[in-house]
């Protein structure tokens, strides 16, 4: 499970790096390991691992040239939170947005945390 968490984290770092840089051309974000639907079917432990890996990857996005300032909102939000709290934010967002369950979870997790953390 730690290997999967590491891979997910690196994929997320790529997403943050690509999504938050000021590109001169449009950015294409690749699909991740899960969709919203498949994430919802994961066990509690797997959900916690996925979201923790997502956050870990996002926090190292500056290593891939994402501007450090673009993830400060996430750093402020997750400091002191447990993985259970992060999963609750993501699950709440998913339950309120079933029309997007077919989309890639790496994007949905980003949107869920961004909206949940900046309210």
PDB file of N, CA and C in Angstrom:
ATOM      1  N   UNK A   1       0.824  -1.189   0.000  1.00  0.00           N
ATOM      2  CA  UNK A   1       0.000   0.000   0.000  1.00  0.00           C
ATOM      3  C   UNK A   1       0.867   1.251   0.000  1.00  0.00           C
ATOM      4  N   UNK A   2       2.036   1.227   0.641  1.00  0.00           N
ATOM      5  CA  UNK A   2       2.900   2.398   0.655  1.00  0.00           C
ATOM      6  C   UNK A   2       3.414   2.710  -0.740  1.00  0.00           C
ATOM      7  N   UNK A   3       3.686   1.671  -1.556  1.00  0.00           N
ATOM      8  CA  UNK A   3       4.132   1.883  -2.929  1.00  0.00           C
ATOM      9  C   UNK A   3       3.038   2.611  -3.706  1.00  0.00           C
ATOM     10  N   UNK A   4       1.803   2.162  -3.561  1.00  0.00           N
ATOM     11  CA  UNK A   4       0.684   2.805  -4.252  1.00  0.00           C
ATOM     12  C   UNK A   4       0.549   4.251  -3.795  1.00  0.00           C
ATOM     13  N   UNK A   5       0.697   4.490  -2.504  1.00  0.00           N
ATOM     14  CA  UNK A   5       0.593   5.849  -1.965  1.00  0.00           C
ATOM     15  C   UNK A   5       1.679   6.730  -2.575  1.00  0.00           C
ATOM     16  N   UNK A   6       2.880   6.212  -2.724  1.00  0.00           N
ATOM     17  CA  UNK A   6       3.985   6.956  -3.321  1.00  0.00           C
ATOM     18  C   UNK A   6       3.686   7.284  -4.779  1.00  0.00           C
ATOM     19  N   UNK A   7       3.183   6.310  -5.530  1.00  0.00           N
ATOM     20  CA  UNK A   7       2.862   6.522  -6.939  1.00  0.00           C
ATOM     21  C   UNK A   7       1.749   7.559  -7.072  1.00  0.00           C
ATOM     22  N   UNK A   8       0.729   7.433  -6.253  1.00  0.00           N
ATOM     23  CA  UNK A   8      -0.370   8.390  -6.283  1.00  0.00           C
ATOM     24  C   UNK A   8       0.159   9.780  -5.952  1.00  0.00           C
ATOM     25  N   UNK A   9       1.015   9.854  -4.947  1.00  0.00           N
ATOM     26  CA  UNK A   9       1.584  11.139  -4.562  1.00  0.00           C
ATOM     27  C   UNK A   9       2.353  11.790  -5.688  1.00  0.00           C
ATOM     28  N   UNK A  10       3.146  11.021  -6.398  1.00  0.00           N
ATOM     29  CA  UNK A  10       3.905  11.578  -7.517  1.00  0.00           C
ATOM     30  C   UNK A  10       2.989  12.019  -8.649  1.00  0.00           C
ATOM     31  N   UNK A  11       1.939  11.262  -8.907  1.00  0.00           N
ATOM     32  CA  UNK A  11       0.978  11.658  -9.939  1.00  0.00           C
ATOM     33  C   UNK A  11       0.295  12.971  -9.564  1.00  0.00           C
ATOM     34  N   UNK A  12      -0.049  13.100  -8.307  1.00  0.00           N
ATOM     35  CA  UNK A  12      -0.690  14.327  -7.848  1.00  0.00           C
ATOM     36  C   UNK A  12       0.261  15.498  -7.953  1.00  0.00           C
ATOM     37  N   UNK A  13       1.518  15.280  -7.626  1.00  0.00           N
ATOM     38  CA  UNK A  13       2.499  16.355  -7.757  1.00  0.00           C
ATOM     39  C   UNK A  13       2.562  16.833  -9.200  1.00  0.00           C
ATOM     40  N   UNK A  14       2.479  15.910 -10.126  1.00  0.00           N
ATOM     41  CA  UNK A  14       2.467  16.286 -11.543  1.00  0.00           C
ATOM     42  C   UNK A  14       1.221  17.099 -11.867  1.00  0.00           C
ATOM     43  N   UNK A  15       0.082  16.693 -11.326  1.00  0.00           N
ATOM     44  CA  UNK A  15      -1.164  17.421 -11.554  1.00  0.00           C
ATOM     45  C   UNK A  15      -1.045  18.835 -11.009  1.00  0.00           C
ATOM     46  N   UNK A  16      -0.568  18.979  -9.774  1.00  0.00           N
ATOM     47  CA  UNK A  16      -0.433  20.304  -9.181  1.00  0.00           C
ATOM     48  C   UNK A  16       0.569  21.134  -9.967  1.00  0.00           C
ATOM     49  N   UNK A  17       1.662  20.525 -10.361  1.00  0.00           N
ATOM     50  CA  UNK A  17       2.668  21.260 -11.117  1.00  0.00           C
ATOM     51  C   UNK A  17       2.108  21.759 -12.431  1.00  0.00           C
ATOM     52  N   UNK A  18       1.363  20.925 -13.101  1.00  0.00           N
ATOM     53  CA  UNK A  18       0.796  21.315 -14.394  1.00  0.00           C
ATOM     54  C   UNK A  18      -0.393  22.254 -14.235  1.00  0.00           C
ATOM     55  N   UNK A  19      -1.221  22.003 -13.231  1.00  0.00           N
ATOM     56  CA  UNK A  19      -2.438  22.795 -13.073  1.00  0.00           C
ATOM     57  C   UNK A  19      -2.166  24.188 -12.518  1.00  0.00           C
ATOM     58  N   UNK A  20      -1.118  24.354 -11.753  1.00  0.00           N
ATOM     59  CA  UNK A  20      -0.893  25.621 -11.086  1.00  0.00           C
ATOM     60  C   UNK A  20       0.175  26.488 -11.727  1.00  0.00           C
ATOM     61  N   UNK A  21       0.941  25.942 -12.629  1.00  0.00           N
ATOM     62  CA  UNK A  21       1.918  26.759 -13.333  1.00  0.00           C
ATOM     63  C   UNK A  21       1.149  27.678 -14.280  1.00  0.00           C
ATOM     64  N   UNK A  22       1.768  28.743 -14.702  1.00  0.00           N
ATOM     65  CA  UNK A  22       1.127  29.658 -15.638  1.00  0.00           C
ATOM     66  C   UNK A  22       1.528  29.251 -17.052  1.00  0.00           C
ATOM     67  N   UNK A  23       0.824  28.276 -17.629  1.00  0.00           N
ATOM     68  CA  UNK A  23       1.232  27.754 -18.929  1.00  0.00           C
ATOM     69  C   UNK A  23       0.924  28.732 -20.054  1.00  0.00           C
ATOM     70  N   UNK A  24       1.725  28.671 -21.100  1.00  0.00           N
ATOM     71  CA  UNK A  24       1.477  29.469 -22.289  1.00  0.00           C
ATOM     72  C   UNK A  24       0.540  28.714 -23.223  1.00  0.00           C
ATOM     73  N   UNK A  25       0.469  27.417 -23.048  1.00  0.00           N
ATOM     74  CA  UNK A  25      -0.440  26.591 -23.836  1.00  0.00           C
ATOM     75  C   UNK A  25      -1.323  25.815 -22.875  1.00  0.00           C
ATOM     76  N   UNK A  26      -2.474  25.355 -23.345  1.00  0.00           N
ATOM     77  CA  UNK A  26      -3.358  24.585 -22.455  1.00  0.00           C
ATOM     78  C   UNK A  26      -2.652  23.355 -21.884  1.00  0.00           C
ATOM     79  N   UNK A  27      -3.042  23.013 -20.669  1.00  0.00           N
ATOM     80  CA  UNK A  27      -2.453  21.867 -19.981  1.00  0.00           C
ATOM     81  C   UNK A  27      -3.430  20.700 -20.059  1.00  0.00           C
ATOM     82  N   UNK A  28      -2.901  19.538 -20.338  1.00  0.00           N
ATOM     83  CA  UNK A  28      -3.706  18.326 -20.367  1.00  0.00           C
ATOM     84  C   UNK A  28      -3.353  17.490 -19.142  1.00  0.00           C
ATOM     85  N   UNK A  29      -4.339  17.240 -18.303  1.00  0.00           N
ATOM     86  CA  UNK A  29      -4.133  16.429 -17.105  1.00  0.00           C
ATOM     87  C   UNK A  29      -4.557  14.998 -17.430  1.00  0.00           C
ATOM     88  N   UNK A  30      -3.676  14.065 -17.205  1.00  0.00           N
ATOM     89  CA  UNK A  30      -3.956  12.658 -17.489  1.00  0.00           C
ATOM     90  C   UNK A  30      -4.870  12.069 -16.425  1.00  0.00           C
ATOM     91  N   UNK A  31      -5.612  11.058 -16.824  1.00  0.00           N
ATOM     92  CA  UNK A  31      -6.477  10.355 -15.879  1.00  0.00           C
ATOM     93  C   UNK A  31      -5.634   9.661 -14.828  1.00  0.00           C
ATOM     94  N   UNK A  32      -6.172   9.572 -13.628  1.00  0.00           N
ATOM     95  CA  UNK A  32      -5.475   8.916 -12.535  1.00  0.00           C
ATOM     96  C   UNK A  32      -5.887   7.463 -12.399  1.00  0.00           C
ATOM     97  N   UNK A  33      -5.664   6.923 -11.216  1.00  0.00           N
ATOM     98  CA  UNK A  33      -5.944   5.516 -10.947  1.00  0.00           C
ATOM     99  C   UNK A  33      -7.428   5.219 -10.766  1.00  0.00           C
ATOM    100  N   UNK A  34      -8.179   6.197 -10.306  1.00  0.00           N
ATOM    101  CA  UNK A  34      -9.581   5.969  -9.969  1.00  0.00           C
ATOM    102  C   UNK A  34     -10.473   7.041 -10.570  1.00  0.00           C
ATOM    103  N   UNK A  35     -11.735   6.700 -10.676  1.00  0.00           N
ATOM    104  CA  UNK A  35     -12.778   7.679 -10.948  1.00  0.00           C
ATOM    105  C   UNK A  35     -13.467   7.955  -9.617  1.00  0.00           C
ATOM    106  N   UNK A  36     -14.358   8.922  -9.616  1.00  0.00           N
ATOM    107  CA  UNK A  36     -15.128   9.170  -8.404  1.00  0.00           C
ATOM    108  C   UNK A  36     -15.906   7.935  -7.981  1.00  0.00           C
ATOM    109  N   UNK A  37     -16.472   7.218  -8.950  1.00  0.00           N
ATOM    110  CA  UNK A  37     -17.237   6.002  -8.644  1.00  0.00           C
ATOM    111  C   UNK A  37     -16.367   4.925  -8.027  1.00  0.00           C
ATOM    112  N   UNK A  38     -15.200   4.678  -8.605  1.00  0.00           N
ATOM    113  CA  UNK A  38     -14.355   3.611  -8.058  1.00  0.00           C
ATOM    114  C   UNK A  38     -13.780   4.001  -6.703  1.00  0.00           C
ATOM    115  N   UNK A  39     -13.517   5.283  -6.491  1.00  0.00           N
ATOM    116  CA  UNK A  39     -13.058   5.743  -5.173  1.00  0.00           C
ATOM    117  C   UNK A  39     -14.117   5.450  -4.120  1.00  0.00           C
ATOM    118  N   UNK A  40     -15.370   5.709  -4.442  1.00  0.00           N
ATOM    119  CA  UNK A  40     -16.458   5.500  -3.490  1.00  0.00           C
ATOM    120  C   UNK A  40     -16.585   4.039  -3.068  1.00  0.00           C
ATOM    121  N   UNK A  41     -16.111   3.118  -3.909  1.00  0.00           N
ATOM    122  CA  UNK A  41     -16.188   1.691  -3.614  1.00  0.00           C
ATOM    123  C   UNK A  41     -15.003   1.172  -2.803  1.00  0.00           C
ATOM    124  N   UNK A  42     -13.987   2.005  -2.619  1.00  0.00           N
ATOM    125  CA  UNK A  42     -12.802   1.574  -1.868  1.00  0.00           C
ATOM    126  C   UNK A  42     -13.125   1.368  -0.393  1.00  0.00           C
ATOM    127  N   UNK A  43     -12.313   0.570   0.264  1.00  0.00           N
ATOM    128  CA  UNK A  43     -12.445   0.409   1.714  1.00  0.00           C
ATOM    129  C   UNK A  43     -12.024   1.710   2.393  1.00  0.00           C
ATOM    130  N   UNK A  44     -12.357   1.832   3.645  1.00  0.00           N
ATOM    131  CA  UNK A  44     -11.977   3.019   4.416  1.00  0.00           C
ATOM    132  C   UNK A  44     -10.463   3.198   4.442  1.00  0.00           C
ATOM    133  N   UNK A  45      -9.745   2.112   4.624  1.00  0.00           N
ATOM    134  CA  UNK A  45      -8.279   2.179   4.673  1.00  0.00           C
ATOM    135  C   UNK A  45      -7.729   2.639   3.329  1.00  0.00           C
ATOM    136  N   UNK A  46      -8.264   2.101   2.239  1.00  0.00           N
ATOM    137  CA  UNK A  46      -7.789   2.477   0.908  1.00  0.00           C
ATOM    138  C   UNK A  46      -8.108   3.942   0.609  1.00  0.00           C
ATOM    139  N   UNK A  47      -9.277   4.415   1.031  1.00  0.00           N
ATOM    140  CA  UNK A  47      -9.614   5.834   0.840  1.00  0.00           C
ATOM    141  C   UNK A  47      -8.643   6.724   1.596  1.00  0.00           C
ATOM    142  N   UNK A  48      -8.341   6.349   2.835  1.00  0.00           N
ATOM    143  CA  UNK A  48      -7.397   7.158   3.624  1.00  0.00           C
ATOM    144  C   UNK A  48      -6.026   7.174   2.966  1.00  0.00           C
ATOM    145  N   UNK A  49      -5.584   6.037   2.468  1.00  0.00           N
ATOM    146  CA  UNK A  49      -4.288   5.960   1.789  1.00  0.00           C
ATOM    147  C   UNK A  49      -4.280   6.805   0.512  1.00  0.00           C
ATOM    148  N   UNK A  50      -5.360   6.721  -0.249  1.00  0.00           N
ATOM    149  CA  UNK A  50      -5.436   7.495  -1.486  1.00  0.00           C
ATOM    150  C   UNK A  50      -5.354   8.987  -1.191  1.00  0.00           C
ATOM    151  N   UNK A  51      -6.173   9.466  -0.276  1.00  0.00           N
ATOM    152  CA  UNK A  51      -6.207  10.901   0.005  1.00  0.00           C
ATOM    153  C   UNK A  51      -4.894  11.363   0.643  1.00  0.00           C
ATOM    154  N   UNK A  52      -4.316  10.553   1.517  1.00  0.00           N
ATOM    155  CA  UNK A  52      -3.015  10.913   2.107  1.00  0.00           C
ATOM    156  C   UNK A  52      -1.945  10.980   1.022  1.00  0.00           C
ATOM    157  N   UNK A  53      -1.960  10.035   0.090  1.00  0.00           N
ATOM    158  CA  UNK A  53      -1.009  10.057  -1.016  1.00  0.00           C
ATOM    159  C   UNK A  53      -1.228  11.261  -1.916  1.00  0.00           C
ATOM    160  N   UNK A  54      -2.487  11.610  -2.130  1.00  0.00           N
ATOM    161  CA  UNK A  54      -2.804  12.793  -2.925  1.00  0.00           C
ATOM    162  C   UNK A  54      -2.213  14.039  -2.283  1.00  0.00           C
ATOM    163  N   UNK A  55      -2.441  14.203  -0.998  1.00  0.00           N
ATOM    164  CA  UNK A  55      -1.929  15.380  -0.286  1.00  0.00           C
ATOM    165  C   UNK A  55      -0.404  15.370  -0.251  1.00  0.00           C
ATOM    166  N   UNK A  56       0.194  14.219   0.034  1.00  0.00           N
ATOM    167  CA  UNK A  56       1.663  14.132   0.030  1.00  0.00           C
ATOM    168  C   UNK A  56       2.221  14.556  -1.326  1.00  0.00           C
ATOM    169  N   UNK A  57       1.602  14.086  -2.394  1.00  0.00           N
ATOM    170  CA  UNK A  57       2.049  14.448  -3.733  1.00  0.00           C
ATOM    171  C   UNK A  57       1.888  15.928  -4.006  1.00  0.00           C
ATOM    172  N   UNK A  58       0.765  16.480  -3.582  1.00  0.00           N
ATOM    173  CA  UNK A  58       0.531  17.911  -3.784  1.00  0.00           C
ATOM    174  C   UNK A  58       1.572  18.750  -3.053  1.00  0.00           C
ATOM    175  N   UNK A  59       1.941  18.316  -1.868  1.00  0.00           N
ATOM    176  CA  UNK A  59       2.896  19.091  -1.069  1.00  0.00           C
ATOM    177  C   UNK A  59       4.310  19.054  -1.635  1.00  0.00           C
ATOM    178  N   UNK A  60       4.612  18.084  -2.504  1.00  0.00           N
ATOM    179  CA  UNK A  60       5.928  18.060  -3.142  1.00  0.00           C
ATOM    180  C   UNK A  60       5.867  18.610  -4.567  1.00  0.00           C
ATOM    181  N   UNK A  61       4.721  19.125  -4.980  1.00  0.00           N
ATOM    182  CA  UNK A  61       4.579  19.676  -6.330  1.00  0.00           C
ATOM    183  C   UNK A  61       5.626  20.739  -6.656  1.00  0.00           C
ATOM    184  N   UNK A  62       6.077  21.560  -5.697  1.00  0.00           N
ATOM    185  CA  UNK A  62       7.131  22.524  -6.032  1.00  0.00           C
ATOM    186  C   UNK A  62       8.417  21.866  -6.540  1.00  0.00           C
ATOM    187  N   UNK A  63       8.645  20.610  -6.202  1.00  0.00           N
ATOM    188  CA  UNK A  63       9.802  19.907  -6.750  1.00  0.00           C
ATOM    189  C   UNK A  63       9.688  19.721  -8.259  1.00  0.00           C
ATOM    190  N   UNK A  64       8.447  19.800  -8.761  1.00  0.00           N
ATOM    191  CA  UNK A  64       8.202  19.660 -10.192  1.00  0.00           C
ATOM    192  C   UNK A  64       7.872  21.013 -10.826  1.00  0.00           C
ATOM    193  N   UNK A  65       8.371  22.068 -10.198  1.00  0.00           N
ATOM    194  CA  UNK A  65       8.235  23.440 -10.680  1.00  0.00           C
ATOM    195  C   UNK A  65       6.867  24.076 -10.505  1.00  0.00           C
ATOM    196  N   UNK A  66       5.977  23.483  -9.709  1.00  0.00           N
ATOM    197  CA  UNK A  66       4.737  24.180  -9.386  1.00  0.00           C
ATOM    198  C   UNK A  66       5.093  25.333  -8.449  1.00  0.00           C
ATOM    199  N   UNK A  67       4.507  26.488  -8.664  1.00  0.00           N
ATOM    200  CA  UNK A  67       4.804  27.614  -7.780  1.00  0.00           C
ATOM    201  C   UNK A  67       4.403  27.302  -6.340  1.00  0.00           C
ATOM    202  N   UNK A  68       5.314  27.498  -5.405  1.00  0.00           N
ATOM    203  CA  UNK A  68       5.069  27.207  -3.987  1.00  0.00           C
ATOM    204  C   UNK A  68       3.819  27.945  -3.486  1.00  0.00           C
ATOM    205  N   UNK A  69       3.638  29.155  -3.941  1.00  0.00           N
ATOM    206  CA  UNK A  69       2.485  29.936  -3.501  1.00  0.00           C
ATOM    207  C   UNK A  69       1.153  29.343  -3.879  1.00  0.00           C
ATOM    208  N   UNK A  70       1.140  28.495  -4.894  1.00  0.00           N
ATOM    209  CA  UNK A  70      -0.110  27.902  -5.358  1.00  0.00           C
ATOM    210  C   UNK A  70      -0.634  26.802  -4.448  1.00  0.00           C
ATOM    211  N   UNK A  71       0.188  26.286  -3.553  1.00  0.00           N
ATOM    212  CA  UNK A  71      -0.303  25.231  -2.656  1.00  0.00           C
ATOM    213  C   UNK A  71      -0.379  25.674  -1.202  1.00  0.00           C
ATOM    214  N   UNK A  72      -0.149  26.944  -0.947  1.00  0.00           N
ATOM    215  CA  UNK A  72      -0.239  27.418   0.444  1.00  0.00           C
ATOM    216  C   UNK A  72      -1.616  27.170   1.048  1.00  0.00           C
ATOM    217  N   UNK A  73      -2.664  27.314   0.245  1.00  0.00           N
ATOM    218  CA  UNK A  73      -4.009  27.049   0.737  1.00  0.00           C
ATOM    219  C   UNK A  73      -4.125  25.625   1.256  1.00  0.00           C
ATOM    220  N   UNK A  74      -3.478  24.682   0.550  1.00  0.00           N
ATOM    221  CA  UNK A  74      -3.542  23.282   0.969  1.00  0.00           C
ATOM    222  C   UNK A  74      -2.730  23.070   2.243  1.00  0.00           C
ATOM    223  N   UNK A  75      -1.551  23.636   2.299  1.00  0.00           N
ATOM    224  CA  UNK A  75      -0.718  23.517   3.502  1.00  0.00           C
ATOM    225  C   UNK A  75      -1.466  24.035   4.722  1.00  0.00           C
ATOM    226  N   UNK A  76      -2.085  25.219   4.580  1.00  0.00           N
ATOM    227  CA  UNK A  76      -2.842  25.794   5.709  1.00  0.00           C
ATOM    228  C   UNK A  76      -4.013  24.902   6.093  1.00  0.00           C
ATOM    229  N   UNK A  77      -4.679  24.361   5.096  1.00  0.00           N
ATOM    230  CA  UNK A  77      -5.872  23.559   5.347  1.00  0.00           C
ATOM    231  C   UNK A  77      -5.556  22.242   6.048  1.00  0.00           C
ATOM    232  N   UNK A  78      -4.551  21.520   5.580  1.00  0.00           N
ATOM    233  CA  UNK A  78      -4.323  20.165   6.071  1.00  0.00           C
ATOM    234  C   UNK A  78      -3.488  20.092   7.339  1.00  0.00           C
ATOM    235  N   UNK A  79      -2.844  21.180   7.709  1.00  0.00           N
ATOM    236  CA  UNK A  79      -2.016  21.156   8.908  1.00  0.00           C
ATOM    237  C   UNK A  79      -2.863  20.776  10.120  1.00  0.00           C
ATOM    238  N   UNK A  80      -2.489  19.701  10.766  1.00  0.00           N
ATOM    239  CA  UNK A  80      -3.204  19.224  11.947  1.00  0.00           C
ATOM    240  C   UNK A  80      -4.379  18.313  11.657  1.00  0.00           C
ATOM    241  N   UNK A  81      -4.734  18.154  10.399  1.00  0.00           N
ATOM    242  CA  UNK A  81      -5.860  17.276  10.046  1.00  0.00           C
ATOM    243  C   UNK A  81      -5.420  15.822  10.001  1.00  0.00           C
ATOM    244  N   UNK A  82      -6.368  14.947  10.232  1.00  0.00           N
ATOM    245  CA  UNK A  82      -6.123  13.515  10.085  1.00  0.00           C
ATOM    246  C   UNK A  82      -6.555  13.083   8.683  1.00  0.00           C
ATOM    247  N   UNK A  83      -6.119  11.908   8.300  1.00  0.00           N
ATOM    248  CA  UNK A  83      -6.548  11.384   7.009  1.00  0.00           C
ATOM    249  C   UNK A  83      -8.056  11.145   6.985  1.00  0.00           C
ATOM    250  N   UNK A  84      -8.638  10.820   8.127  1.00  0.00           N
ATOM    251  CA  UNK A  84     -10.093  10.646   8.198  1.00  0.00           C
ATOM    252  C   UNK A  84     -10.821  11.954   7.883  1.00  0.00           C
ATOM    253  N   UNK A  85     -10.296  13.071   8.373  1.00  0.00           N
ATOM    254  CA  UNK A  85     -10.912  14.367   8.086  1.00  0.00           C
ATOM    255  C   UNK A  85     -10.833  14.686   6.594  1.00  0.00           C
ATOM    256  N   UNK A  86      -9.678  14.408   6.001  1.00  0.00           N
ATOM    257  CA  UNK A  86      -9.514  14.669   4.574  1.00  0.00           C
ATOM    258  C   UNK A  86     -10.466  13.820   3.739  1.00  0.00           C
ATOM    259  N   UNK A  87     -10.603  12.554   4.107  1.00  0.00           N
ATOM    260  CA  UNK A  87     -11.539  11.679   3.395  1.00  0.00           C
ATOM    261  C   UNK A  87     -12.960  12.219   3.552  1.00  0.00           C
ATOM    262  N   UNK A  88     -13.308  12.704   4.732  1.00  0.00           N
ATOM    263  CA  UNK A  88     -14.650  13.243   4.956  1.00  0.00           C
ATOM    264  C   UNK A  88     -14.922  14.433   4.037  1.00  0.00           C
ATOM    265  N   UNK A  89     -13.929  15.292   3.844  1.00  0.00           N
ATOM    266  CA  UNK A  89     -14.085  16.437   2.934  1.00  0.00           C
ATOM    267  C   UNK A  89     -14.341  15.945   1.516  1.00  0.00           C
ATOM    268  N   UNK A  90     -13.536  14.989   1.080  1.00  0.00           N
ATOM    269  CA  UNK A  90     -13.669  14.463  -0.280  1.00  0.00           C
ATOM    270  C   UNK A  90     -14.997  13.726  -0.453  1.00  0.00           C
ATOM    271  N   UNK A  91     -15.359  12.894   0.507  1.00  0.00           N
ATOM    272  CA  UNK A  91     -16.617  12.153   0.403  1.00  0.00           C
ATOM    273  C   UNK A  91     -17.829  13.082   0.409  1.00  0.00           C
ATOM    274  N   UNK A  92     -17.787  14.124   1.215  1.00  0.00           N
ATOM    275  CA  UNK A  92     -18.888  15.097   1.248  1.00  0.00           C
ATOM    276  C   UNK A  92     -19.039  15.747  -0.116  1.00  0.00           C
ATOM    277  N   UNK A  93     -17.918  16.164  -0.704  1.00  0.00           N
ATOM    278  CA  UNK A  93     -17.970  16.805  -2.011  1.00  0.00           C
ATOM    279  C   UNK A  93     -18.520  15.837  -3.053  1.00  0.00           C
ATOM    280  N   UNK A  94     -18.053  14.601  -3.029  1.00  0.00           N
ATOM    281  CA  UNK A  94     -18.544  13.606  -3.991  1.00  0.00           C
ATOM    282  C   UNK A  94     -20.042  13.374  -3.830  1.00  0.00           C
ATOM    283  N   UNK A  95     -20.502  13.292  -2.588  1.00  0.00           N
ATOM    284  CA  UNK A  95     -21.932  13.047  -2.371  1.00  0.00           C
ATOM    285  C   UNK A  95     -22.780  14.213  -2.881  1.00  0.00           C
ATOM    286  N   UNK A  96     -22.216  15.406  -2.906  1.00  0.00           N
ATOM    287  CA  UNK A  96     -22.932  16.586  -3.389  1.00  0.00           C
ATOM    288  C   UNK A  96     -22.783  16.792  -4.899  1.00  0.00           C
ATOM    289  N   UNK A  97     -21.937  16.000  -5.537  1.00  0.00           N
ATOM    290  CA  UNK A  97     -21.665  16.173  -6.968  1.00  0.00           C
ATOM    291  C   UNK A  97     -21.668  14.843  -7.728  1.00  0.00           C
ATOM    292  N   UNK A  98     -22.750  14.072  -7.644  1.00  0.00           N
ATOM    293  CA  UNK A  98     -22.769  12.762  -8.299  1.00  0.00           C
ATOM    294  C   UNK A  98     -22.643  12.840  -9.817  1.00  0.00           C
ATOM    295  N   UNK A  99     -22.962  13.960 -10.402  1.00  0.00           N
ATOM    296  CA  UNK A  99     -22.854  14.111 -11.848  1.00  0.00           C
ATOM    297  C   UNK A  99     -21.401  13.995 -12.321  1.00  0.00           C
ATOM    298  N   UNK A 100     -20.450  14.108 -11.405  1.00  0.00           N
ATOM    299  CA  UNK A 100     -19.027  14.069 -11.774  1.00  0.00           C
ATOM    300  C   UNK A 100     -18.328  12.765 -11.402  1.00  0.00           C
ATOM    301  N   UNK A 101     -19.055  11.781 -10.903  1.00  0.00           N
ATOM    302  CA  UNK A 101     -18.443  10.532 -10.451  1.00  0.00           C
ATOM    303  C   UNK A 101     -17.689   9.787 -11.542  1.00  0.00           C
ATOM    304  N   UNK A 102     -17.995  10.015 -12.783  1.00  0.00           N
ATOM    305  CA  UNK A 102     -17.319   9.333 -13.895  1.00  0.00           C
ATOM    306  C   UNK A 102     -15.945   9.944 -14.184  1.00  0.00           C
ATOM    307  N   UNK A 103     -15.659  11.101 -13.609  1.00  0.00           N
ATOM    308  CA  UNK A 103     -14.402  11.797 -13.876  1.00  0.00           C
ATOM    309  C   UNK A 103     -13.255  11.217 -13.053  1.00  0.00           C
ATOM    310  N   UNK A 104     -12.057  11.567 -13.459  1.00  0.00           N
ATOM    311  CA  UNK A 104     -10.851  11.070 -12.799  1.00  0.00           C
ATOM    312  C   UNK A 104     -10.732  11.611 -11.373  1.00  0.00           C
ATOM    313  N   UNK A 105     -10.429  10.721 -10.456  1.00  0.00           N
ATOM    314  CA  UNK A 105     -10.373  11.070  -9.045  1.00  0.00           C
ATOM    315  C   UNK A 105      -9.268  12.070  -8.714  1.00  0.00           C
ATOM    316  N   UNK A 106      -8.176  12.082  -9.464  1.00  0.00           N
ATOM    317  CA  UNK A 106      -7.121  13.046  -9.146  1.00  0.00           C
ATOM    318  C   UNK A 106      -7.638  14.477  -9.303  1.00  0.00           C
ATOM    319  N   UNK A 107      -8.456  14.718 -10.288  1.00  0.00           N
ATOM    320  CA  UNK A 107      -9.041  16.050 -10.474  1.00  0.00           C
ATOM    321  C   UNK A 107     -10.129  16.294  -9.432  1.00  0.00           C
ATOM    322  N   UNK A 108     -10.971  15.286  -9.191  1.00  0.00           N
ATOM    323  CA  UNK A 108     -12.060  15.448  -8.219  1.00  0.00           C
ATOM    324  C   UNK A 108     -11.524  15.709  -6.814  1.00  0.00           C
ATOM    325  N   UNK A 109     -10.460  15.025  -6.425  1.00  0.00           N
ATOM    326  CA  UNK A 109      -9.874  15.251  -5.101  1.00  0.00           C
ATOM    327  C   UNK A 109      -9.336  16.674  -4.993  1.00  0.00           C
ATOM    328  N   UNK A 110      -8.702  17.152  -6.048  1.00  0.00           N
ATOM    329  CA  UNK A 110      -8.196  18.523  -6.058  1.00  0.00           C
ATOM    330  C   UNK A 110      -9.344  19.513  -5.856  1.00  0.00           C
ATOM    331  N   UNK A 111     -10.399  19.354  -6.654  1.00  0.00           N
ATOM    332  CA  UNK A 111     -11.545  20.255  -6.574  1.00  0.00           C
ATOM    333  C   UNK A 111     -12.206  20.182  -5.197  1.00  0.00           C
ATOM    334  N   UNK A 112     -12.379  18.960  -4.695  1.00  0.00           N
ATOM    335  CA  UNK A 112     -13.031  18.778  -3.386  1.00  0.00           C
ATOM    336  C   UNK A 112     -12.247  19.465  -2.281  1.00  0.00           C
ATOM    337  N   UNK A 113     -10.935  19.272  -2.266  1.00  0.00           N
ATOM    338  CA  UNK A 113     -10.112  19.894  -1.221  1.00  0.00           C
ATOM    339  C   UNK A 113     -10.034  21.400  -1.415  1.00  0.00           C
ATOM    340  N   UNK A 114      -9.923  21.850  -2.633  1.00  0.00           N
ATOM    341  CA  UNK A 114      -9.855  23.299  -2.900  1.00  0.00           C
ATOM    342  C   UNK A 114     -11.132  23.964  -2.411  1.00  0.00           C
ATOM    343  N   UNK A 115     -12.280  23.404  -2.771  1.00  0.00           N
ATOM    344  CA  UNK A 115     -13.539  23.985  -2.338  1.00  0.00           C
ATOM    345  C   UNK A 115     -13.736  23.833  -0.829  1.00  0.00           C
ATOM    346  N   UNK A 116     -13.386  22.675  -0.294  1.00  0.00           N
ATOM    347  CA  UNK A 116     -13.561  22.440   1.134  1.00  0.00           C
ATOM    348  C   UNK A 116     -12.627  23.253   2.007  1.00  0.00           C
ATOM    349  N   UNK A 117     -11.481  23.557   1.493  1.00  0.00           N
ATOM    350  CA  UNK A 117     -10.478  24.268   2.282  1.00  0.00           C
ATOM    351  C   UNK A 117     -10.539  25.785   2.137  1.00  0.00           C
ATOM    352  N   UNK A 118     -11.228  26.261   1.147  1.00  0.00           N
ATOM    353  CA  UNK A 118     -11.242  27.709   0.937  1.00  0.00           C
ATOM    354  C   UNK A 118     -12.589  28.329   1.267  1.00  0.00           C
ATOM    355  N   UNK A 119     -13.455  27.560   1.882  1.00  0.00           N
ATOM    356  CA  UNK A 119     -14.778  28.096   2.279  1.00  0.00           C
ATOM    357  C   UNK A 119     -14.636  28.877   3.557  1.00  0.00           C
TER     358      UNK A 119
END
